[in-house]
Amino acid sequence: MVTAEHWIETLGLEEHVEGGYFRRTFQADHRPRVATPAGERHTLTSIFYLLTRRSPVGHWHLNRSDVLHFHHHGDPITYHLLLPDGGHRTAVLGQDPDRGQVLTLAVPGGIWKASHLTHGDHGLISEAVSPGFDYADMTLGRADPLLRLHPDHGDLIRRYCAPDTPGAAPSRR
């Protein structure tokens, strides 16, 4: 049986600041960089991303760039998206379309997202980011500002904020 530890070791994954594990797998060094309001970026980057039983949550964060998520192996991962109009959408990234799971999820830049391993040992995905990912373009969610932006989703916000952010729910790790 393939386990989370297998993927961490085999793929050389490291802990990610938002939760889970990752490793950059590609950046478009062979193409000219693109200008963004925050500076020049690669046209495209990609990573492997793994949530595990030990690290089951990808905490609230906002990317400026568009992100495509692709499910590869393991258990489903639920994504929560807080939309600019105040709405909330949920998508389950997984291998079983008969249960409403999707193999690919597109999240436009500017949308707050959090994810969690629905059940099981691990969920392995990859992400393609355009314009390419840069930490300067990512904001980690803090409970108080998110609650002001999305007051109707307080429980959800507190549940998936990183444990060290004021107003966040205690860690479930």
N, C-alpha and C. Protein backbone atom coordinates (compact mmCIF):
# COMPACT_ATOMS: atom_id res chain seq x y z
N MET A 1 0.84 -1.19 0.00
CA MET A 1 0.00 0.00 0.00
C MET A 1 0.89 1.25 0.00
N VAL A 2 0.58 2.19 -0.87
CA VAL A 2 1.32 3.44 -0.94
C VAL A 2 0.81 4.37 0.15
N THR A 3 1.73 4.93 0.94
CA THR A 3 1.37 5.78 2.08
C THR A 3 1.85 7.21 1.86
N ALA A 4 1.41 8.08 2.75
CA ALA A 4 1.88 9.47 2.73
C ALA A 4 3.39 9.53 2.87
N GLU A 5 3.94 8.73 3.76
CA GLU A 5 5.40 8.73 3.96
C GLU A 5 6.14 8.33 2.68
N HIS A 6 5.57 7.41 1.93
CA HIS A 6 6.17 7.02 0.65
C HIS A 6 6.27 8.23 -0.27
N TRP A 7 5.18 8.99 -0.40
CA TRP A 7 5.20 10.15 -1.29
C TRP A 7 6.15 11.22 -0.79
N ILE A 8 6.18 11.47 0.51
CA ILE A 8 7.08 12.48 1.06
C ILE A 8 8.52 12.14 0.72
N GLU A 9 8.89 10.87 0.92
CA GLU A 9 10.26 10.44 0.66
C GLU A 9 10.56 10.36 -0.84
N THR A 10 9.69 9.72 -1.59
CA THR A 10 9.92 9.50 -3.02
C THR A 10 9.96 10.81 -3.81
N LEU A 11 9.07 11.73 -3.47
CA LEU A 11 8.98 12.98 -4.22
C LEU A 11 9.83 14.10 -3.60
N GLY A 12 10.43 13.83 -2.45
CA GLY A 12 11.26 14.86 -1.80
C GLY A 12 10.46 16.05 -1.33
N LEU A 13 9.31 15.79 -0.72
CA LEU A 13 8.41 16.87 -0.29
C LEU A 13 8.88 17.47 1.03
N GLU A 14 8.59 18.77 1.18
CA GLU A 14 8.90 19.51 2.40
C GLU A 14 7.61 20.11 2.96
N GLU A 15 7.63 20.47 4.24
CA GLU A 15 6.46 21.11 4.83
C GLU A 15 6.19 22.44 4.15
N HIS A 16 4.89 22.73 3.95
CA HIS A 16 4.46 23.97 3.31
C HIS A 16 3.93 24.92 4.38
N VAL A 17 4.15 26.20 4.20
CA VAL A 17 3.72 27.20 5.17
C VAL A 17 2.20 27.18 5.38
N GLU A 18 1.44 26.80 4.37
CA GLU A 18 -0.02 26.79 4.52
C GLU A 18 -0.54 25.47 5.07
N GLY A 19 0.34 24.49 5.29
CA GLY A 19 -0.04 23.16 5.75
C GLY A 19 0.27 22.15 4.66
N GLY A 20 0.38 20.89 5.03
CA GLY A 20 0.71 19.86 4.07
C GLY A 20 2.17 19.89 3.66
N TYR A 21 2.46 19.27 2.52
CA TYR A 21 3.82 19.12 2.02
C TYR A 21 3.85 19.47 0.54
N PHE A 22 5.02 19.92 0.05
CA PHE A 22 5.10 20.31 -1.36
C PHE A 22 6.53 20.20 -1.89
N ARG A 23 6.63 20.31 -3.20
CA ARG A 23 7.90 20.51 -3.90
C ARG A 23 7.59 21.10 -5.25
N ARG A 24 8.33 22.16 -5.60
CA ARG A 24 8.17 22.74 -6.93
C ARG A 24 8.69 21.74 -7.95
N THR A 25 7.92 21.54 -9.02
CA THR A 25 8.29 20.58 -10.05
C THR A 25 8.63 21.23 -11.38
N PHE A 26 8.22 22.50 -11.57
CA PHE A 26 8.46 23.16 -12.84
C PHE A 26 8.36 24.67 -12.66
N GLN A 27 9.20 25.37 -13.39
CA GLN A 27 9.03 26.80 -13.60
C GLN A 27 9.51 27.09 -15.01
N ALA A 28 8.79 27.95 -15.72
CA ALA A 28 9.03 28.19 -17.14
C ALA A 28 10.25 29.09 -17.35
N ASP A 29 11.43 28.56 -17.03
CA ASP A 29 12.67 29.32 -17.22
C ASP A 29 12.98 29.57 -18.70
N HIS A 30 12.44 28.76 -19.57
CA HIS A 30 12.74 28.86 -21.00
C HIS A 30 11.89 29.91 -21.72
N ARG A 31 11.01 30.59 -21.00
CA ARG A 31 10.15 31.63 -21.59
C ARG A 31 10.44 32.97 -20.92
N PRO A 32 10.19 34.06 -21.63
CA PRO A 32 10.33 35.37 -20.99
C PRO A 32 9.36 35.49 -19.82
N ARG A 33 9.78 36.17 -18.79
CA ARG A 33 8.88 36.42 -17.66
C ARG A 33 7.79 37.40 -18.06
N VAL A 34 6.68 37.36 -17.31
CA VAL A 34 5.57 38.27 -17.57
C VAL A 34 5.52 39.34 -16.49
N ALA A 35 5.11 40.53 -16.89
CA ALA A 35 4.98 41.64 -15.94
C ALA A 35 3.66 41.51 -15.20
N THR A 36 3.71 41.65 -13.88
CA THR A 36 2.50 41.70 -13.05
C THR A 36 2.60 42.96 -12.20
N PRO A 37 1.52 43.38 -11.56
CA PRO A 37 1.60 44.56 -10.68
C PRO A 37 2.64 44.40 -9.56
N ALA A 38 2.95 43.15 -9.19
CA ALA A 38 3.91 42.91 -8.11
C ALA A 38 5.32 42.63 -8.63
N GLY A 39 5.53 42.69 -9.94
CA GLY A 39 6.85 42.43 -10.50
C GLY A 39 6.79 41.32 -11.53
N GLU A 40 7.94 40.98 -12.09
CA GLU A 40 8.00 39.93 -13.11
C GLU A 40 7.85 38.55 -12.48
N ARG A 41 7.12 37.68 -13.20
CA ARG A 41 6.89 36.32 -12.74
C ARG A 41 7.12 35.35 -13.90
N HIS A 42 7.40 34.09 -13.57
CA HIS A 42 7.42 33.04 -14.59
C HIS A 42 6.03 32.96 -15.20
N THR A 43 5.95 32.52 -16.46
CA THR A 43 4.63 32.35 -17.06
C THR A 43 3.84 31.24 -16.37
N LEU A 44 4.56 30.22 -15.89
CA LEU A 44 3.91 29.07 -15.26
C LEU A 44 4.85 28.41 -14.27
N THR A 45 4.31 27.97 -13.15
CA THR A 45 5.04 27.12 -12.21
C THR A 45 4.11 25.98 -11.82
N SER A 46 4.68 24.91 -11.27
CA SER A 46 3.85 23.82 -10.76
C SER A 46 4.51 23.19 -9.56
N ILE A 47 3.68 22.56 -8.73
CA ILE A 47 4.15 21.86 -7.54
C ILE A 47 3.39 20.55 -7.38
N PHE A 48 3.99 19.63 -6.62
CA PHE A 48 3.26 18.54 -6.00
C PHE A 48 2.80 19.09 -4.66
N TYR A 49 1.61 18.69 -4.21
CA TYR A 49 1.09 19.11 -2.91
C TYR A 49 0.40 17.90 -2.27
N LEU A 50 0.71 17.65 -1.01
CA LEU A 50 0.21 16.47 -0.31
C LEU A 50 -0.39 16.87 1.03
N LEU A 51 -1.62 16.46 1.26
CA LEU A 51 -2.20 16.55 2.60
C LEU A 51 -2.20 15.15 3.19
N THR A 52 -1.95 15.07 4.49
CA THR A 52 -1.82 13.78 5.17
C THR A 52 -2.66 13.75 6.43
N ARG A 53 -2.78 12.57 7.01
CA ARG A 53 -3.49 12.44 8.28
C ARG A 53 -2.82 13.33 9.34
N ARG A 54 -1.49 13.44 9.32
CA ARG A 54 -0.75 14.28 10.29
C ARG A 54 -0.87 15.77 9.97
N SER A 55 -1.02 16.11 8.71
CA SER A 55 -1.13 17.50 8.28
C SER A 55 -2.29 17.59 7.28
N PRO A 56 -3.55 17.54 7.79
CA PRO A 56 -4.70 17.38 6.92
C PRO A 56 -5.29 18.67 6.36
N VAL A 57 -4.75 19.84 6.75
CA VAL A 57 -5.38 21.11 6.38
C VAL A 57 -4.43 21.99 5.59
N GLY A 58 -4.95 22.52 4.47
CA GLY A 58 -4.31 23.62 3.76
C GLY A 58 -5.03 24.87 4.23
N HIS A 59 -4.39 25.67 5.07
CA HIS A 59 -5.05 26.81 5.72
C HIS A 59 -5.44 27.90 4.72
N TRP A 60 -6.34 28.77 5.16
CA TRP A 60 -6.83 29.84 4.31
C TRP A 60 -5.66 30.62 3.71
N HIS A 61 -5.73 30.83 2.41
CA HIS A 61 -4.76 31.66 1.72
C HIS A 61 -5.38 32.19 0.43
N LEU A 62 -4.80 33.26 -0.05
CA LEU A 62 -5.26 33.92 -1.27
C LEU A 62 -4.07 34.04 -2.20
N ASN A 63 -4.24 33.60 -3.42
CA ASN A 63 -3.20 33.76 -4.45
C ASN A 63 -3.65 34.82 -5.43
N ARG A 64 -2.72 35.62 -5.92
CA ARG A 64 -3.05 36.58 -6.98
C ARG A 64 -3.22 35.87 -8.31
N SER A 65 -2.50 34.78 -8.51
CA SER A 65 -2.51 34.05 -9.78
C SER A 65 -3.62 33.01 -9.81
N ASP A 66 -3.95 32.57 -11.01
CA ASP A 66 -4.90 31.48 -11.20
C ASP A 66 -4.19 30.16 -10.89
N VAL A 67 -4.93 29.22 -10.28
CA VAL A 67 -4.34 27.93 -9.91
C VAL A 67 -5.24 26.80 -10.41
N LEU A 68 -4.63 25.85 -11.11
CA LEU A 68 -5.30 24.61 -11.49
C LEU A 68 -4.81 23.51 -10.56
N HIS A 69 -5.74 22.76 -9.97
CA HIS A 69 -5.42 21.65 -9.06
C HIS A 69 -5.80 20.34 -9.76
N PHE A 70 -4.91 19.34 -9.70
CA PHE A 70 -5.13 18.05 -10.34
C PHE A 70 -4.94 16.94 -9.31
N HIS A 71 -5.95 16.10 -9.11
CA HIS A 71 -5.85 15.01 -8.16
C HIS A 71 -5.10 13.84 -8.80
N HIS A 72 -4.12 13.28 -8.07
CA HIS A 72 -3.32 12.18 -8.60
C HIS A 72 -3.53 10.86 -7.87
N HIS A 73 -3.56 10.91 -6.53
CA HIS A 73 -3.56 9.65 -5.79
C HIS A 73 -4.13 9.87 -4.40
N GLY A 74 -4.72 8.82 -3.88
CA GLY A 74 -5.15 8.84 -2.49
C GLY A 74 -6.58 9.29 -2.31
N ASP A 75 -6.82 9.86 -1.16
CA ASP A 75 -8.17 10.19 -0.73
C ASP A 75 -8.61 11.57 -1.20
N PRO A 76 -9.93 11.82 -1.20
CA PRO A 76 -10.43 13.11 -1.66
C PRO A 76 -9.99 14.27 -0.76
N ILE A 77 -9.89 15.43 -1.37
CA ILE A 77 -9.56 16.67 -0.67
C ILE A 77 -10.69 17.64 -0.92
N THR A 78 -11.26 18.18 0.16
CA THR A 78 -12.34 19.16 0.04
C THR A 78 -11.76 20.56 0.04
N TYR A 79 -12.20 21.37 -0.91
CA TYR A 79 -11.79 22.77 -1.02
C TYR A 79 -12.97 23.67 -0.66
N HIS A 80 -12.67 24.69 0.15
CA HIS A 80 -13.63 25.72 0.48
C HIS A 80 -13.14 27.01 -0.16
N LEU A 81 -14.02 27.66 -0.91
CA LEU A 81 -13.68 28.89 -1.61
C LEU A 81 -14.59 30.01 -1.10
N LEU A 82 -13.99 31.11 -0.67
CA LEU A 82 -14.74 32.29 -0.26
C LEU A 82 -14.69 33.27 -1.42
N LEU A 83 -15.86 33.53 -2.00
CA LEU A 83 -15.96 34.32 -3.23
C LEU A 83 -16.02 35.81 -2.93
N PRO A 84 -15.58 36.63 -3.87
CA PRO A 84 -15.58 38.09 -3.65
C PRO A 84 -16.97 38.67 -3.32
N ASP A 85 -18.05 38.01 -3.79
CA ASP A 85 -19.41 38.52 -3.51
C ASP A 85 -19.91 38.09 -2.13
N GLY A 86 -19.05 37.41 -1.33
CA GLY A 86 -19.44 36.97 -0.01
C GLY A 86 -19.92 35.53 0.04
N GLY A 87 -20.08 34.91 -1.11
CA GLY A 87 -20.55 33.53 -1.16
C GLY A 87 -19.46 32.53 -0.82
N HIS A 88 -19.89 31.29 -0.68
CA HIS A 88 -19.00 30.17 -0.35
C HIS A 88 -19.31 29.04 -1.31
N ARG A 89 -18.26 28.41 -1.83
CA ARG A 89 -18.43 27.25 -2.70
C ARG A 89 -17.52 26.15 -2.20
N THR A 90 -17.98 24.92 -2.34
CA THR A 90 -17.19 23.75 -1.95
C THR A 90 -17.00 22.87 -3.18
N ALA A 91 -15.81 22.31 -3.31
CA ALA A 91 -15.53 21.33 -4.37
C ALA A 91 -14.70 20.22 -3.75
N VAL A 92 -14.92 19.00 -4.21
CA VAL A 92 -14.15 17.86 -3.72
C VAL A 92 -13.29 17.35 -4.86
N LEU A 93 -11.99 17.42 -4.66
CA LEU A 93 -11.02 16.95 -5.64
C LEU A 93 -10.73 15.48 -5.33
N GLY A 94 -11.05 14.60 -6.28
CA GLY A 94 -10.86 13.18 -6.04
C GLY A 94 -11.08 12.38 -7.30
N GLN A 95 -11.07 11.06 -7.14
CA GLN A 95 -11.10 10.14 -8.27
C GLN A 95 -12.48 9.55 -8.58
N ASP A 96 -13.54 9.98 -7.87
CA ASP A 96 -14.84 9.33 -8.03
C ASP A 96 -15.91 10.33 -8.51
N PRO A 97 -16.01 10.52 -9.83
CA PRO A 97 -17.01 11.47 -10.33
C PRO A 97 -18.44 11.07 -10.01
N ASP A 98 -18.70 9.78 -9.78
CA ASP A 98 -20.05 9.34 -9.42
C ASP A 98 -20.47 9.88 -8.06
N ARG A 99 -19.49 10.29 -7.25
CA ARG A 99 -19.78 10.90 -5.95
C ARG A 99 -19.62 12.42 -5.98
N GLY A 100 -19.56 12.99 -7.17
CA GLY A 100 -19.46 14.44 -7.31
C GLY A 100 -18.04 14.97 -7.20
N GLN A 101 -17.07 14.09 -7.17
CA GLN A 101 -15.67 14.53 -7.09
C GLN A 101 -15.20 14.94 -8.49
N VAL A 102 -14.25 15.89 -8.50
CA VAL A 102 -13.68 16.37 -9.76
C VAL A 102 -12.19 16.04 -9.78
N LEU A 103 -11.67 15.75 -10.96
CA LEU A 103 -10.25 15.47 -11.12
C LEU A 103 -9.43 16.75 -11.18
N THR A 104 -10.06 17.83 -11.67
CA THR A 104 -9.39 19.12 -11.84
C THR A 104 -10.27 20.22 -11.26
N LEU A 105 -9.63 21.16 -10.57
CA LEU A 105 -10.33 22.30 -10.00
C LEU A 105 -9.58 23.56 -10.37
N ALA A 106 -10.26 24.52 -10.98
CA ALA A 106 -9.67 25.81 -11.31
C ALA A 106 -10.11 26.84 -10.28
N VAL A 107 -9.14 27.55 -9.69
CA VAL A 107 -9.44 28.60 -8.73
C VAL A 107 -8.79 29.89 -9.24
N PRO A 108 -9.62 30.85 -9.68
CA PRO A 108 -9.07 32.11 -10.16
C PRO A 108 -8.34 32.87 -9.05
N GLY A 109 -7.34 33.65 -9.45
CA GLY A 109 -6.66 34.49 -8.48
C GLY A 109 -7.65 35.42 -7.79
N GLY A 110 -7.37 35.74 -6.53
CA GLY A 110 -8.23 36.65 -5.78
C GLY A 110 -9.33 35.97 -4.99
N ILE A 111 -9.35 34.64 -4.97
CA ILE A 111 -10.35 33.90 -4.20
C ILE A 111 -9.66 33.23 -3.02
N TRP A 112 -10.21 33.43 -1.83
CA TRP A 112 -9.68 32.77 -0.64
C TRP A 112 -10.01 31.29 -0.71
N LYS A 113 -9.03 30.44 -0.37
CA LYS A 113 -9.29 29.01 -0.36
C LYS A 113 -8.62 28.34 0.82
N ALA A 114 -9.26 27.25 1.25
CA ALA A 114 -8.72 26.36 2.27
C ALA A 114 -9.08 24.96 1.82
N SER A 115 -8.29 23.98 2.26
CA SER A 115 -8.56 22.61 1.86
C SER A 115 -8.34 21.68 3.06
N HIS A 116 -8.97 20.52 2.99
CA HIS A 116 -8.71 19.52 4.03
C HIS A 116 -8.89 18.12 3.46
N LEU A 117 -8.10 17.22 4.00
CA LEU A 117 -8.20 15.81 3.64
C LEU A 117 -9.52 15.31 4.22
N THR A 118 -10.38 14.85 3.35
CA THR A 118 -11.71 14.43 3.78
C THR A 118 -11.64 13.25 4.74
N HIS A 119 -10.82 12.26 4.44
CA HIS A 119 -10.61 11.08 5.28
C HIS A 119 -9.40 10.34 4.75
N GLY A 120 -8.90 9.39 5.49
CA GLY A 120 -7.83 8.53 5.00
C GLY A 120 -6.43 9.02 5.33
N ASP A 121 -5.46 8.39 4.69
CA ASP A 121 -4.03 8.62 4.96
C ASP A 121 -3.47 9.83 4.24
N HIS A 122 -3.87 10.04 2.98
CA HIS A 122 -3.27 11.14 2.21
C HIS A 122 -4.06 11.42 0.94
N GLY A 123 -3.84 12.61 0.41
CA GLY A 123 -4.33 13.01 -0.90
C GLY A 123 -3.20 13.74 -1.60
N LEU A 124 -2.80 13.26 -2.78
CA LEU A 124 -1.71 13.86 -3.56
C LEU A 124 -2.27 14.55 -4.78
N ILE A 125 -1.91 15.82 -4.92
CA ILE A 125 -2.34 16.60 -6.08
C ILE A 125 -1.12 17.30 -6.67
N SER A 126 -1.34 17.92 -7.81
CA SER A 126 -0.37 18.89 -8.31
C SER A 126 -1.14 20.17 -8.58
N GLU A 127 -0.40 21.26 -8.63
CA GLU A 127 -0.99 22.57 -8.92
C GLU A 127 -0.15 23.23 -10.00
N ALA A 128 -0.83 23.84 -10.97
CA ALA A 128 -0.19 24.65 -11.99
C ALA A 128 -0.66 26.09 -11.76
N VAL A 129 0.29 27.02 -11.70
CA VAL A 129 0.00 28.41 -11.33
C VAL A 129 0.45 29.34 -12.45
N SER A 130 -0.46 30.24 -12.88
CA SER A 130 -0.14 31.20 -13.93
C SER A 130 -0.77 32.55 -13.61
N PRO A 131 -0.01 33.64 -13.69
CA PRO A 131 1.44 33.68 -13.74
C PRO A 131 2.03 32.92 -12.57
N GLY A 132 3.27 32.49 -12.75
CA GLY A 132 3.93 31.61 -11.81
C GLY A 132 3.90 32.06 -10.36
N PHE A 133 3.90 31.09 -9.46
CA PHE A 133 3.81 31.35 -8.03
C PHE A 133 5.04 32.09 -7.51
N ASP A 134 4.78 33.04 -6.64
CA ASP A 134 5.81 33.74 -5.87
C ASP A 134 5.19 33.99 -4.50
N TYR A 135 5.96 33.73 -3.44
CA TYR A 135 5.41 33.92 -2.09
C TYR A 135 4.90 35.34 -1.87
N ALA A 136 5.43 36.32 -2.58
CA ALA A 136 4.96 37.69 -2.45
C ALA A 136 3.52 37.85 -2.93
N ASP A 137 3.03 36.88 -3.72
CA ASP A 137 1.68 36.94 -4.27
C ASP A 137 0.67 36.13 -3.46
N MET A 138 1.08 35.58 -2.33
CA MET A 138 0.20 34.76 -1.51
C MET A 138 0.01 35.44 -0.15
N THR A 139 -1.22 35.47 0.29
CA THR A 139 -1.55 36.00 1.61
C THR A 139 -2.15 34.88 2.44
N LEU A 140 -1.55 34.61 3.60
CA LEU A 140 -2.13 33.63 4.52
C LEU A 140 -3.30 34.29 5.25
N GLY A 141 -4.37 33.53 5.42
CA GLY A 141 -5.57 34.07 6.06
C GLY A 141 -5.40 34.27 7.55
N ARG A 142 -5.85 35.40 8.00
CA ARG A 142 -5.92 35.70 9.43
C ARG A 142 -7.41 35.82 9.76
N ALA A 143 -7.81 35.26 10.86
CA ALA A 143 -9.23 35.15 11.18
C ALA A 143 -9.94 36.51 11.20
N ASP A 144 -9.39 37.48 11.93
CA ASP A 144 -10.12 38.75 12.08
C ASP A 144 -10.39 39.45 10.76
N PRO A 145 -9.39 39.65 9.88
CA PRO A 145 -9.70 40.29 8.59
C PRO A 145 -10.66 39.46 7.73
N LEU A 146 -10.50 38.13 7.74
CA LEU A 146 -11.41 37.30 6.96
C LEU A 146 -12.84 37.37 7.49
N LEU A 147 -12.98 37.43 8.80
CA LEU A 147 -14.32 37.53 9.39
C LEU A 147 -14.99 38.85 9.01
N ARG A 148 -14.21 39.92 8.89
CA ARG A 148 -14.78 41.19 8.44
C ARG A 148 -15.23 41.11 6.98
N LEU A 149 -14.46 40.42 6.15
CA LEU A 149 -14.81 40.28 4.74
C LEU A 149 -15.97 39.31 4.51
N HIS A 150 -16.05 38.26 5.33
CA HIS A 150 -17.03 37.19 5.13
C HIS A 150 -17.70 36.83 6.46
N PRO A 151 -18.48 37.77 7.03
CA PRO A 151 -19.05 37.53 8.36
C PRO A 151 -20.03 36.35 8.43
N ASP A 152 -20.59 35.94 7.31
CA ASP A 152 -21.54 34.82 7.31
C ASP A 152 -20.87 33.46 7.40
N HIS A 153 -19.52 33.43 7.37
CA HIS A 153 -18.81 32.16 7.33
C HIS A 153 -17.83 32.02 8.49
N GLY A 154 -18.19 32.53 9.65
CA GLY A 154 -17.30 32.56 10.81
C GLY A 154 -16.77 31.21 11.24
N ASP A 155 -17.64 30.21 11.37
CA ASP A 155 -17.18 28.89 11.82
C ASP A 155 -16.18 28.29 10.83
N LEU A 156 -16.48 28.41 9.56
CA LEU A 156 -15.60 27.89 8.51
C LEU A 156 -14.25 28.61 8.52
N ILE A 157 -14.28 29.91 8.66
CA ILE A 157 -13.04 30.69 8.70
C ILE A 157 -12.18 30.28 9.88
N ARG A 158 -12.78 30.23 11.06
CA ARG A 158 -12.01 29.87 12.26
C ARG A 158 -11.47 28.43 12.17
N ARG A 159 -12.24 27.53 11.58
CA ARG A 159 -11.83 26.12 11.48
C ARG A 159 -10.56 25.94 10.65
N TYR A 160 -10.39 26.77 9.60
CA TYR A 160 -9.28 26.54 8.67
C TYR A 160 -8.22 27.63 8.67
N CYS A 161 -8.24 28.52 9.65
CA CYS A 161 -7.12 29.47 9.79
C CYS A 161 -5.96 28.74 10.46
N ALA A 162 -4.76 29.14 10.13
CA ALA A 162 -3.58 28.54 10.76
C ALA A 162 -3.70 28.73 12.27
N PRO A 163 -3.25 27.75 13.07
CA PRO A 163 -3.44 27.78 14.52
C PRO A 163 -2.86 28.99 15.22
N ASP A 164 -1.84 29.62 14.66
CA ASP A 164 -1.23 30.75 15.35
C ASP A 164 -1.86 32.09 14.98
N THR A 165 -2.98 32.08 14.24
CA THR A 165 -3.62 33.34 13.90
C THR A 165 -4.71 33.66 14.91
N PRO A 166 -4.80 34.92 15.33
CA PRO A 166 -5.82 35.30 16.31
C PRO A 166 -7.22 34.93 15.83
N GLY A 167 -7.99 34.35 16.73
CA GLY A 167 -9.37 33.97 16.43
C GLY A 167 -9.51 32.62 15.75
N ALA A 168 -8.42 31.94 15.46
CA ALA A 168 -8.48 30.65 14.79
C ALA A 168 -8.89 29.55 15.77
N ALA A 169 -9.46 28.49 15.20
CA ALA A 169 -9.82 27.34 16.02
C ALA A 169 -8.51 26.62 16.42
N PRO A 170 -8.51 25.91 17.54
CA PRO A 170 -7.31 25.14 17.92
C PRO A 170 -6.96 24.13 16.83
N SER A 171 -5.69 23.84 16.71
CA SER A 171 -5.23 22.90 15.70
C SER A 171 -5.78 21.52 15.95
N ARG A 172 -6.11 20.80 14.85
CA ARG A 172 -6.60 19.43 14.96
C ARG A 172 -5.50 18.45 14.61
N ARG A 173 -4.26 18.89 14.56
CA ARG A 173 -3.15 18.00 14.16
C ARG A 173 -2.75 17.09 15.29
